[in-house]
Amino acid sequence: MAFAALAASLPKVHAAGGLARLALWPGRPPGGGGPEGALVQDDSGA
């Protein structure tokens, strides 16, 4: 049961351009607040 609980809590893995992408938190990150929407990328790729 303990291992089942751990497996259920793991972030889902999604294929992304040959990579795997993991969500860090199962829902909203702790604390609240923060921006909305998609990532913003500048000319340098940051």
PDB file of all heavy atoms in Angstrom:
ATOM      1  N   MET A   1       0.829  -1.205   0.000  1.00  0.00           N
ATOM      2  CA  MET A   1       0.000   0.000   0.000  1.00  0.00           C
ATOM      3  C   MET A   1       0.860   1.250   0.000  1.00  0.00           C
ATOM      4  O   MET A   1       0.541   2.255  -0.649  1.00  0.00           O
ATOM      5  CB  MET A   1      -0.930  -0.016   1.213  1.00  0.00           C
ATOM      6  CG  MET A   1      -2.030  -1.072   1.126  1.00  0.00           C
ATOM      7  SD  MET A   1      -3.099  -1.089   2.587  1.00  0.00           S
ATOM      8  CE  MET A   1      -3.886   0.531   2.415  1.00  0.00           C
ATOM      9  N   ALA A   2       1.988   1.219   0.726  1.00  0.00           N
ATOM     10  CA  ALA A   2       2.875   2.385   0.775  1.00  0.00           C
ATOM     11  C   ALA A   2       3.467   2.672  -0.599  1.00  0.00           C
ATOM     12  O   ALA A   2       3.515   3.822  -1.051  1.00  0.00           O
ATOM     13  CB  ALA A   2       3.992   2.144   1.796  1.00  0.00           C
ATOM     14  N   PHE A   3       3.907   1.602  -1.303  1.00  0.00           N
ATOM     15  CA  PHE A   3       4.447   1.798  -2.641  1.00  0.00           C
ATOM     16  C   PHE A   3       3.373   2.225  -3.627  1.00  0.00           C
ATOM     17  O   PHE A   3       3.631   3.016  -4.550  1.00  0.00           O
ATOM     18  CB  PHE A   3       5.145   0.520  -3.124  1.00  0.00           C
ATOM     19  CG  PHE A   3       6.574   0.430  -2.700  1.00  0.00           C
ATOM     20  CD1 PHE A   3       6.918  -0.274  -1.563  1.00  0.00           C
ATOM     21  CD2 PHE A   3       7.571   1.061  -3.419  1.00  0.00           C
ATOM     22  CE1 PHE A   3       8.250  -0.358  -1.158  1.00  0.00           C
ATOM     23  CE2 PHE A   3       8.889   0.981  -3.019  1.00  0.00           C
ATOM     24  CZ  PHE A   3       9.232   0.272  -1.878  1.00  0.00           C
ATOM     25  N   ALA A   4       2.173   1.734  -3.442  1.00  0.00           N
ATOM     26  CA  ALA A   4       1.072   2.143  -4.315  1.00  0.00           C
ATOM     27  C   ALA A   4       0.771   3.622  -4.136  1.00  0.00           C
ATOM     28  O   ALA A   4       0.515   4.346  -5.104  1.00  0.00           O
ATOM     29  CB  ALA A   4      -0.167   1.311  -4.008  1.00  0.00           C
ATOM     30  N   ALA A   5       0.820   4.091  -2.870  1.00  0.00           N
ATOM     31  CA  ALA A   5       0.577   5.509  -2.604  1.00  0.00           C
ATOM     32  C   ALA A   5       1.660   6.365  -3.237  1.00  0.00           C
ATOM     33  O   ALA A   5       1.394   7.427  -3.809  1.00  0.00           O
ATOM     34  CB  ALA A   5       0.523   5.754  -1.098  1.00  0.00           C
ATOM     35  N   LEU A   6       2.922   5.891  -3.166  1.00  0.00           N
ATOM     36  CA  LEU A   6       4.021   6.633  -3.780  1.00  0.00           C
ATOM     37  C   LEU A   6       3.852   6.685  -5.286  1.00  0.00           C
ATOM     38  O   LEU A   6       3.987   7.744  -5.911  1.00  0.00           O
ATOM     39  CB  LEU A   6       5.351   5.969  -3.418  1.00  0.00           C
ATOM     40  CG  LEU A   6       6.611   6.569  -4.066  1.00  0.00           C
ATOM     41  CD1 LEU A   6       6.751   8.029  -3.663  1.00  0.00           C
ATOM     42  CD2 LEU A   6       7.843   5.783  -3.667  1.00  0.00           C
ATOM     43  N   ALA A   7       3.522   5.554  -5.918  1.00  0.00           N
ATOM     44  CA  ALA A   7       3.357   5.520  -7.372  1.00  0.00           C
ATOM     45  C   ALA A   7       2.230   6.438  -7.821  1.00  0.00           C
ATOM     46  O   ALA A   7       2.343   7.138  -8.832  1.00  0.00           O
ATOM     47  CB  ALA A   7       3.083   4.087  -7.831  1.00  0.00           C
ATOM     48  N   ALA A   8       1.137   6.474  -7.044  1.00  0.00           N
ATOM     49  CA  ALA A   8      -0.001   7.318  -7.413  1.00  0.00           C
ATOM     50  C   ALA A   8       0.337   8.789  -7.319  1.00  0.00           C
ATOM     51  O   ALA A   8      -0.249   9.621  -8.018  1.00  0.00           O
ATOM     52  CB  ALA A   8      -1.192   6.999  -6.498  1.00  0.00           C
ATOM     53  N   SER A   9       1.309   9.124  -6.447  1.00  0.00           N
ATOM     54  CA  SER A   9       1.640  10.539  -6.241  1.00  0.00           C
ATOM     55  C   SER A   9       2.681  11.047  -7.229  1.00  0.00           C
ATOM     56  O   SER A   9       2.948  12.239  -7.290  1.00  0.00           O
ATOM     57  CB  SER A   9       2.161  10.751  -4.814  1.00  0.00           C
ATOM     58  OG  SER A   9       3.412  10.106  -4.634  1.00  0.00           O
ATOM     59  N   LEU A  10       3.300  10.142  -8.019  1.00  0.00           N
ATOM     60  CA  LEU A  10       4.337  10.585  -8.937  1.00  0.00           C
ATOM     61  C   LEU A  10       3.747  11.440 -10.053  1.00  0.00           C
ATOM     62  O   LEU A  10       2.667  11.169 -10.560  1.00  0.00           O
ATOM     63  CB  LEU A  10       5.036   9.374  -9.573  1.00  0.00           C
ATOM     64  CG  LEU A  10       5.848   8.478  -8.627  1.00  0.00           C
ATOM     65  CD1 LEU A  10       6.505   7.363  -9.430  1.00  0.00           C
ATOM     66  CD2 LEU A  10       6.887   9.287  -7.885  1.00  0.00           C
ATOM     67  N   PRO A  11       4.486  12.497 -10.458  1.00  0.00           N
ATOM     68  CA  PRO A  11       4.026  13.312 -11.580  1.00  0.00           C
ATOM     69  C   PRO A  11       3.941  12.489 -12.854  1.00  0.00           C
ATOM     70  O   PRO A  11       4.708  11.555 -13.062  1.00  0.00           O
ATOM     71  CB  PRO A  11       5.130  14.389 -11.698  1.00  0.00           C
ATOM     72  CG  PRO A  11       5.817  14.395 -10.376  1.00  0.00           C
ATOM     73  CD  PRO A  11       5.726  12.991  -9.865  1.00  0.00           C
ATOM     74  N   LYS A  12       2.995  12.816 -13.690  1.00  0.00           N
ATOM     75  CA  LYS A  12       2.856  12.117 -14.961  1.00  0.00           C
ATOM     76  C   LYS A  12       3.969  12.539 -15.907  1.00  0.00           C
ATOM     77  O   LYS A  12       4.441  13.659 -15.880  1.00  0.00           O
ATOM     78  CB  LYS A  12       1.494  12.426 -15.594  1.00  0.00           C
ATOM     79  CG  LYS A  12       0.323  11.874 -14.773  1.00  0.00           C
ATOM     80  CD  LYS A  12      -0.988  12.183 -15.445  1.00  0.00           C
ATOM     81  CE  LYS A  12      -2.151  11.615 -14.632  1.00  0.00           C
ATOM     82  NZ  LYS A  12      -3.457  11.920 -15.251  1.00  0.00           N
ATOM     83  N   VAL A  13       4.398  11.612 -16.758  1.00  0.00           N
ATOM     84  CA  VAL A  13       5.462  11.872 -17.716  1.00  0.00           C
ATOM     85  C   VAL A  13       4.851  12.065 -19.093  1.00  0.00           C
ATOM     86  O   VAL A  13       4.027  11.271 -19.533  1.00  0.00           O
ATOM     87  CB  VAL A  13       6.469  10.698 -17.740  1.00  0.00           C
ATOM     88  CG1 VAL A  13       7.572  10.962 -18.740  1.00  0.00           C
ATOM     89  CG2 VAL A  13       7.037  10.462 -16.354  1.00  0.00           C
ATOM     90  N   HIS A  14       5.267  13.131 -19.758  1.00  0.00           N
ATOM     91  CA  HIS A  14       4.768  13.416 -21.100  1.00  0.00           C
ATOM     92  C   HIS A  14       5.950  13.516 -22.052  1.00  0.00           C
ATOM     93  O   HIS A  14       6.950  14.154 -21.745  1.00  0.00           O
ATOM     94  CB  HIS A  14       3.999  14.749 -21.125  1.00  0.00           C
ATOM     95  CG  HIS A  14       2.891  14.807 -20.125  1.00  0.00           C
ATOM     96  ND1 HIS A  14       1.649  14.274 -20.349  1.00  0.00           N
ATOM     97  CD2 HIS A  14       2.843  15.342 -18.875  1.00  0.00           C
ATOM     98  CE1 HIS A  14       0.876  14.476 -19.301  1.00  0.00           C
ATOM     99  NE2 HIS A  14       1.569  15.115 -18.392  1.00  0.00           N
ATOM    100  N   ALA A  15       5.858  12.890 -23.211  1.00  0.00           N
ATOM    101  CA  ALA A  15       6.913  13.023 -24.209  1.00  0.00           C
ATOM    102  C   ALA A  15       6.908  14.442 -24.750  1.00  0.00           C
ATOM    103  O   ALA A  15       5.863  15.021 -24.972  1.00  0.00           O
ATOM    104  CB  ALA A  15       6.686  12.024 -25.347  1.00  0.00           C
ATOM    105  N   ALA A  16       8.090  15.023 -24.933  1.00  0.00           N
ATOM    106  CA  ALA A  16       8.190  16.403 -25.419  1.00  0.00           C
ATOM    107  C   ALA A  16       9.447  16.541 -26.262  1.00  0.00           C
ATOM    108  O   ALA A  16      10.529  16.753 -25.732  1.00  0.00           O
ATOM    109  CB  ALA A  16       8.212  17.386 -24.254  1.00  0.00           C
ATOM    110  N   GLY A  17       9.308  16.429 -27.594  1.00  0.00           N
ATOM    111  CA  GLY A  17      10.445  16.634 -28.471  1.00  0.00           C
ATOM    112  C   GLY A  17      11.580  15.658 -28.220  1.00  0.00           C
ATOM    113  O   GLY A  17      12.743  16.035 -28.248  1.00  0.00           O
ATOM    114  N   GLY A  18      11.288  14.404 -27.971  1.00  0.00           N
ATOM    115  CA  GLY A  18      12.326  13.427 -27.698  1.00  0.00           C
ATOM    116  C   GLY A  18      12.710  13.372 -26.235  1.00  0.00           C
ATOM    117  O   GLY A  18      13.496  12.526 -25.834  1.00  0.00           O
ATOM    118  N   LEU A  19      12.197  14.273 -25.426  1.00  0.00           N
ATOM    119  CA  LEU A  19      12.479  14.314 -23.998  1.00  0.00           C
ATOM    120  C   LEU A  19      11.257  13.851 -23.222  1.00  0.00           C
ATOM    121  O   LEU A  19      10.169  13.724 -23.763  1.00  0.00           O
ATOM    122  CB  LEU A  19      12.845  15.736 -23.557  1.00  0.00           C
ATOM    123  CG  LEU A  19      13.923  16.463 -24.366  1.00  0.00           C
ATOM    124  CD1 LEU A  19      14.103  17.865 -23.844  1.00  0.00           C
ATOM    125  CD2 LEU A  19      15.230  15.711 -24.296  1.00  0.00           C
ATOM    126  N   ALA A  20      11.438  13.612 -21.946  1.00  0.00           N
ATOM    127  CA  ALA A  20      10.309  13.411 -21.047  1.00  0.00           C
ATOM    128  C   ALA A  20      10.164  14.671 -20.219  1.00  0.00           C
ATOM    129  O   ALA A  20      11.157  15.270 -19.810  1.00  0.00           O
ATOM    130  CB  ALA A  20      10.537  12.206 -20.141  1.00  0.00           C
ATOM    131  N   ARG A  21       8.938  15.094 -20.001  1.00  0.00           N
ATOM    132  CA  ARG A  21       8.679  16.299 -19.214  1.00  0.00           C
ATOM    133  C   ARG A  21       7.822  15.914 -18.010  1.00  0.00           C
ATOM    134  O   ARG A  21       6.785  15.285 -18.159  1.00  0.00           O
ATOM    135  CB  ARG A  21       7.960  17.355 -20.059  1.00  0.00           C
ATOM    136  CG  ARG A  21       7.801  18.714 -19.353  1.00  0.00           C
ATOM    137  CD  ARG A  21       6.975  19.662 -20.199  1.00  0.00           C
ATOM    138  NE  ARG A  21       7.594  19.904 -21.497  1.00  0.00           N
ATOM    139  CZ  ARG A  21       8.488  20.861 -21.735  1.00  0.00           C
ATOM    140  NH1 ARG A  21       8.868  21.665 -20.759  1.00  0.00           N
ATOM    141  NH2 ARG A  21       8.985  21.023 -22.949  1.00  0.00           N
ATOM    142  N   LEU A  22       8.281  16.301 -16.823  1.00  0.00           N
ATOM    143  CA  LEU A  22       7.583  15.969 -15.591  1.00  0.00           C
ATOM    144  C   LEU A  22       7.074  17.245 -14.929  1.00  0.00           C
ATOM    145  O   LEU A  22       7.841  18.211 -14.776  1.00  0.00           O
ATOM    146  CB  LEU A  22       8.498  15.249 -14.595  1.00  0.00           C
ATOM    147  CG  LEU A  22       8.879  13.791 -14.848  1.00  0.00           C
ATOM    148  CD1 LEU A  22       9.854  13.676 -16.009  1.00  0.00           C
ATOM    149  CD2 LEU A  22       9.519  13.214 -13.589  1.00  0.00           C
ATOM    150  N   ALA A  23       5.812  17.239 -14.554  1.00  0.00           N
ATOM    151  CA  ALA A  23       5.299  18.318 -13.712  1.00  0.00           C
ATOM    152  C   ALA A  23       5.882  18.138 -12.322  1.00  0.00           C
ATOM    153  O   ALA A  23       5.940  17.040 -11.783  1.00  0.00           O
ATOM    154  CB  ALA A  23       3.774  18.269 -13.661  1.00  0.00           C
ATOM    155  N   LEU A  24       6.345  19.239 -11.715  1.00  0.00           N
ATOM    156  CA  LEU A  24       7.026  19.143 -10.427  1.00  0.00           C
ATOM    157  C   LEU A  24       6.052  18.909  -9.285  1.00  0.00           C
ATOM    158  O   LEU A  24       6.359  18.192  -8.331  1.00  0.00           O
ATOM    159  CB  LEU A  24       7.816  20.431 -10.189  1.00  0.00           C
ATOM    160  CG  LEU A  24       9.077  20.327  -9.342  1.00  0.00           C
ATOM    161  CD1 LEU A  24      10.048  19.337  -9.933  1.00  0.00           C
ATOM    162  CD2 LEU A  24       9.729  21.699  -9.210  1.00  0.00           C
ATOM    163  N   TRP A  25       4.885  19.502  -9.374  1.00  0.00           N
ATOM    164  CA  TRP A  25       3.882  19.421  -8.319  1.00  0.00           C
ATOM    165  C   TRP A  25       2.608  18.788  -8.880  1.00  0.00           C
ATOM    166  O   TRP A  25       2.270  19.011 -10.049  1.00  0.00           O
ATOM    167  CB  TRP A  25       3.575  20.817  -7.761  1.00  0.00           C
ATOM    168  CG  TRP A  25       4.792  21.553  -7.284  1.00  0.00           C
ATOM    169  CD1 TRP A  25       5.532  22.457  -7.984  1.00  0.00           C
ATOM    170  CD2 TRP A  25       5.426  21.443  -6.000  1.00  0.00           C
ATOM    171  NE1 TRP A  25       6.582  22.917  -7.233  1.00  0.00           N
ATOM    172  CE2 TRP A  25       6.540  22.323  -5.993  1.00  0.00           C
ATOM    173  CE3 TRP A  25       5.142  20.696  -4.844  1.00  0.00           C
ATOM    174  CZ2 TRP A  25       7.383  22.463  -4.894  1.00  0.00           C
ATOM    175  CZ3 TRP A  25       5.986  20.834  -3.741  1.00  0.00           C
ATOM    176  CH2 TRP A  25       7.080  21.704  -3.766  1.00  0.00           C
ATOM    177  N   PRO A  26       1.870  18.018  -8.079  1.00  0.00           N
ATOM    178  CA  PRO A  26       0.648  17.386  -8.588  1.00  0.00           C
ATOM    179  C   PRO A  26      -0.477  18.377  -8.875  1.00  0.00           C
ATOM    180  O   PRO A  26      -1.382  18.079  -9.641  1.00  0.00           O
ATOM    181  CB  PRO A  26       0.255  16.425  -7.459  1.00  0.00           C
ATOM    182  CG  PRO A  26       0.902  16.974  -6.236  1.00  0.00           C
ATOM    183  CD  PRO A  26       2.176  17.620  -6.688  1.00  0.00           C
ATOM    184  N   GLY A  27      -0.431  19.546  -8.272  1.00  0.00           N
ATOM    185  CA  GLY A  27      -1.409  20.610  -8.528  1.00  0.00           C
ATOM    186  C   GLY A  27      -0.689  21.943  -8.550  1.00  0.00           C
ATOM    187  O   GLY A  27       0.431  22.038  -9.043  1.00  0.00           O
ATOM    188  N   ARG A  28      -1.331  22.970  -8.012  1.00  0.00           N
ATOM    189  CA  ARG A  28      -0.673  24.265  -7.908  1.00  0.00           C
ATOM    190  C   ARG A  28       0.499  24.176  -6.941  1.00  0.00           C
ATOM    191  O   ARG A  28       0.440  23.475  -5.936  1.00  0.00           O
ATOM    192  CB  ARG A  28      -1.665  25.322  -7.408  1.00  0.00           C
ATOM    193  CG  ARG A  28      -2.724  25.699  -8.425  1.00  0.00           C
ATOM    194  CD  ARG A  28      -2.167  26.577  -9.533  1.00  0.00           C
ATOM    195  NE  ARG A  28      -1.741  27.887  -9.059  1.00  0.00           N
ATOM    196  CZ  ARG A  28      -1.097  28.768  -9.822  1.00  0.00           C
ATOM    197  NH1 ARG A  28      -0.818  28.477 -11.083  1.00  0.00           N
ATOM    198  NH2 ARG A  28      -0.750  29.946  -9.331  1.00  0.00           N
ATOM    199  N   PRO A  29       1.591  24.872  -7.217  1.00  0.00           N
ATOM    200  CA  PRO A  29       2.729  24.866  -6.303  1.00  0.00           C
ATOM    201  C   PRO A  29       2.346  25.433  -4.936  1.00  0.00           C
ATOM    202  O   PRO A  29       1.345  26.136  -4.817  1.00  0.00           O
ATOM    203  CB  PRO A  29       3.748  25.765  -7.001  1.00  0.00           C
ATOM    204  CG  PRO A  29       3.354  25.781  -8.433  1.00  0.00           C
ATOM    205  CD  PRO A  29       1.856  25.668  -8.423  1.00  0.00           C
ATOM    206  N   PRO A  30       3.120  25.130  -3.909  1.00  0.00           N
ATOM    207  CA  PRO A  30       2.771  25.592  -2.558  1.00  0.00           C
ATOM    208  C   PRO A  30       2.813  27.115  -2.435  1.00  0.00           C
ATOM    209  O   PRO A  30       3.527  27.790  -3.164  1.00  0.00           O
ATOM    210  CB  PRO A  30       3.840  24.944  -1.675  1.00  0.00           C
ATOM    211  CG  PRO A  30       4.972  24.643  -2.593  1.00  0.00           C
ATOM    212  CD  PRO A  30       4.347  24.327  -3.917  1.00  0.00           C
ATOM    213  N   GLY A  31       2.008  27.618  -1.519  1.00  0.00           N
ATOM    214  CA  GLY A  31       2.065  29.044  -1.184  1.00  0.00           C
ATOM    215  C   GLY A  31       1.073  29.923  -1.897  1.00  0.00           C
ATOM    216  O   GLY A  31       0.581  30.887  -1.350  1.00  0.00           O
ATOM    217  N   GLY A  32       0.764  29.597  -3.143  1.00  0.00           N
ATOM    218  CA  GLY A  32      -0.193  30.406  -3.904  1.00  0.00           C
ATOM    219  C   GLY A  32       0.445  31.621  -4.553  1.00  0.00           C
ATOM    220  O   GLY A  32       1.610  31.947  -4.354  1.00  0.00           O
ATOM    221  N   GLY A  33      -0.355  32.303  -5.344  1.00  0.00           N
ATOM    222  CA  GLY A  33       0.108  33.475  -6.075  1.00  0.00           C
ATOM    223  C   GLY A  33       0.780  33.083  -7.376  1.00  0.00           C
ATOM    224  O   GLY A  33       0.533  32.015  -7.931  1.00  0.00           O
ATOM    225  N   GLY A  34       1.634  33.980  -7.876  1.00  0.00           N
ATOM    226  CA  GLY A  34       2.392  33.700  -9.084  1.00  0.00           C
ATOM    227  C   GLY A  34       1.700  34.122 -10.359  1.00  0.00           C
ATOM    228  O   GLY A  34       0.553  34.573 -10.357  1.00  0.00           O
ATOM    229  N   PRO A  35       2.400  33.980 -11.493  1.00  0.00           N
ATOM    230  CA  PRO A  35       1.867  34.424 -12.785  1.00  0.00           C
ATOM    231  C   PRO A  35       0.898  33.411 -13.385  1.00  0.00           C
ATOM    232  O   PRO A  35       0.777  32.286 -12.901  1.00  0.00           O
ATOM    233  CB  PRO A  35       3.130  34.542 -13.641  1.00  0.00           C
ATOM    234  CG  PRO A  35       4.014  33.453 -13.101  1.00  0.00           C
ATOM    235  CD  PRO A  35       3.751  33.423 -11.617  1.00  0.00           C
ATOM    236  N   GLU A  36       0.237  33.823 -14.424  1.00  0.00           N
ATOM    237  CA  GLU A  36      -0.658  32.942 -15.188  1.00  0.00           C
ATOM    238  C   GLU A  36      -0.136  32.824 -16.614  1.00  0.00           C
ATOM    239  O   GLU A  36       0.647  33.642 -17.084  1.00  0.00           O
ATOM    240  CB  GLU A  36      -2.082  33.499 -15.199  1.00  0.00           C
ATOM    241  CG  GLU A  36      -2.723  33.642 -13.826  1.00  0.00           C
ATOM    242  CD  GLU A  36      -3.044  32.313 -13.177  1.00  0.00           C
ATOM    243  OE1 GLU A  36      -3.140  31.298 -13.917  1.00  0.00           O
ATOM    244  OE2 GLU A  36      -3.206  32.279 -11.944  1.00  0.00           O
ATOM    245  N   GLY A  37      -0.607  31.794 -17.302  1.00  0.00           N
ATOM    246  CA  GLY A  37      -0.294  31.668 -18.720  1.00  0.00           C
ATOM    247  C   GLY A  37       0.980  30.896 -18.994  1.00  0.00           C
ATOM    248  O   GLY A  37       1.591  30.291 -18.107  1.00  0.00           O
ATOM    249  N   ALA A  38       1.388  30.951 -20.270  1.00  0.00           N
ATOM    250  CA  ALA A  38       2.525  30.169 -20.749  1.00  0.00           C
ATOM    251  C   ALA A  38       3.847  30.860 -20.450  1.00  0.00           C
ATOM    252  O   ALA A  38       3.897  32.054 -20.127  1.00  0.00           O
ATOM    253  CB  ALA A  38       2.383  29.949 -22.259  1.00  0.00           C
ATOM    254  N   LEU A  39       4.913  30.082 -20.574  1.00  0.00           N
ATOM    255  CA  LEU A  39       6.255  30.644 -20.440  1.00  0.00           C
ATOM    256  C   LEU A  39       6.477  31.745 -21.467  1.00  0.00           C
ATOM    257  O   LEU A  39       5.953  31.696 -22.583  1.00  0.00           O
ATOM    258  CB  LEU A  39       7.311  29.561 -20.664  1.00  0.00           C
ATOM    259  CG  LEU A  39       7.491  28.467 -19.607  1.00  0.00           C
ATOM    260  CD1 LEU A  39       8.487  27.433 -20.113  1.00  0.00           C
ATOM    261  CD2 LEU A  39       7.955  29.060 -18.284  1.00  0.00           C
ATOM    262  N   VAL A  40       7.269  32.734 -21.092  1.00  0.00           N
ATOM    263  CA  VAL A  40       7.687  33.790 -22.004  1.00  0.00           C
ATOM    264  C   VAL A  40       9.176  33.598 -22.274  1.00  0.00           C
ATOM    265  O   VAL A  40       9.979  33.485 -21.338  1.00  0.00           O
ATOM    266  CB  VAL A  40       7.430  35.177 -21.396  1.00  0.00           C
ATOM    267  CG1 VAL A  40       8.003  36.267 -22.299  1.00  0.00           C
ATOM    268  CG2 VAL A  40       5.940  35.389 -21.163  1.00  0.00           C
ATOM    269  N   GLN A  41       9.538  33.544 -23.553  1.00  0.00           N
ATOM    270  CA  GLN A  41      10.937  33.336 -23.926  1.00  0.00           C
ATOM    271  C   GLN A  41      11.486  34.583 -24.600  1.00  0.00           C
ATOM    272  O   GLN A  41      10.859  35.151 -25.489  1.00  0.00           O
ATOM    273  CB  GLN A  41      11.064  32.137 -24.872  1.00  0.00           C
ATOM    274  CG  GLN A  41      12.500  31.728 -25.178  1.00  0.00           C
ATOM    275  CD  GLN A  41      12.558  30.457 -26.010  1.00  0.00           C
ATOM    276  OE1 GLN A  41      12.350  30.487 -27.220  1.00  0.00           O
ATOM    277  NE2 GLN A  41      12.828  29.338 -25.357  1.00  0.00           N
ATOM    278  N   ASP A  42      12.689  35.026 -24.158  1.00  0.00           N
ATOM    279  CA  ASP A  42      13.292  36.211 -24.771  1.00  0.00           C
ATOM    280  C   ASP A  42      14.188  35.794 -25.937  1.00  0.00           C
ATOM    281  O   ASP A  42      14.284  34.616 -26.287  1.00  0.00           O
ATOM    282  CB  ASP A  42      14.043  37.053 -23.733  1.00  0.00           C
ATOM    283  CG  ASP A  42      15.267  36.350 -23.154  1.00  0.00           C
ATOM    284  OD1 ASP A  42      15.748  35.366 -23.746  1.00  0.00           O
ATOM    285  OD2 ASP A  42      15.755  36.801 -22.093  1.00  0.00           O
ATOM    286  N   ASP A  43      14.854  36.772 -26.559  1.00  0.00           N
ATOM    287  CA  ASP A  43      15.640  36.499 -27.761  1.00  0.00           C
ATOM    288  C   ASP A  43      16.821  35.571 -27.498  1.00  0.00           C
ATOM    289  O   ASP A  43      17.335  34.934 -28.422  1.00  0.00           O
ATOM    290  CB  ASP A  43      16.153  37.819 -28.358  1.00  0.00           C
ATOM    291  CG  ASP A  43      15.031  38.673 -28.943  1.00  0.00           C
ATOM    292  OD1 ASP A  43      13.953  38.099 -29.220  1.00  0.00           O
ATOM    293  OD2 ASP A  43      15.231  39.892 -29.107  1.00  0.00           O
ATOM    294  N   SER A  44      17.269  35.493 -26.247  1.00  0.00           N
ATOM    295  CA  SER A  44      18.404  34.633 -25.920  1.00  0.00           C
ATOM    296  C   SER A  44      17.978  33.197 -25.608  1.00  0.00           C
ATOM    297  O   SER A  44      18.829  32.326 -25.411  1.00  0.00           O
ATOM    298  CB  SER A  44      19.152  35.199 -24.706  1.00  0.00           C
ATOM    299  OG  SER A  44      18.397  35.016 -23.516  1.00  0.00           O
ATOM    300  N   GLY A  45      16.660  32.968 -25.547  1.00  0.00           N
ATOM    301  CA  GLY A  45      16.167  31.652 -25.193  1.00  0.00           C
ATOM    302  C   GLY A  45      15.938  31.462 -23.713  1.00  0.00           C
ATOM    303  O   GLY A  45      15.602  30.362 -23.268  1.00  0.00           O
ATOM    304  N   ALA A  46      16.102  32.540 -22.941  1.00  0.00           N
ATOM    305  CA  ALA A  46      15.813  32.479 -21.511  1.00  0.00           C
ATOM    306  C   ALA A  46      14.312  32.623 -21.292  1.00  0.00           C
ATOM    307  O   ALA A  46      13.624  33.325 -22.042  1.00  0.00           O
ATOM    308  CB  ALA A  46      16.561  33.584 -20.764  1.00  0.00           C
TER     309      ALA A  46
END
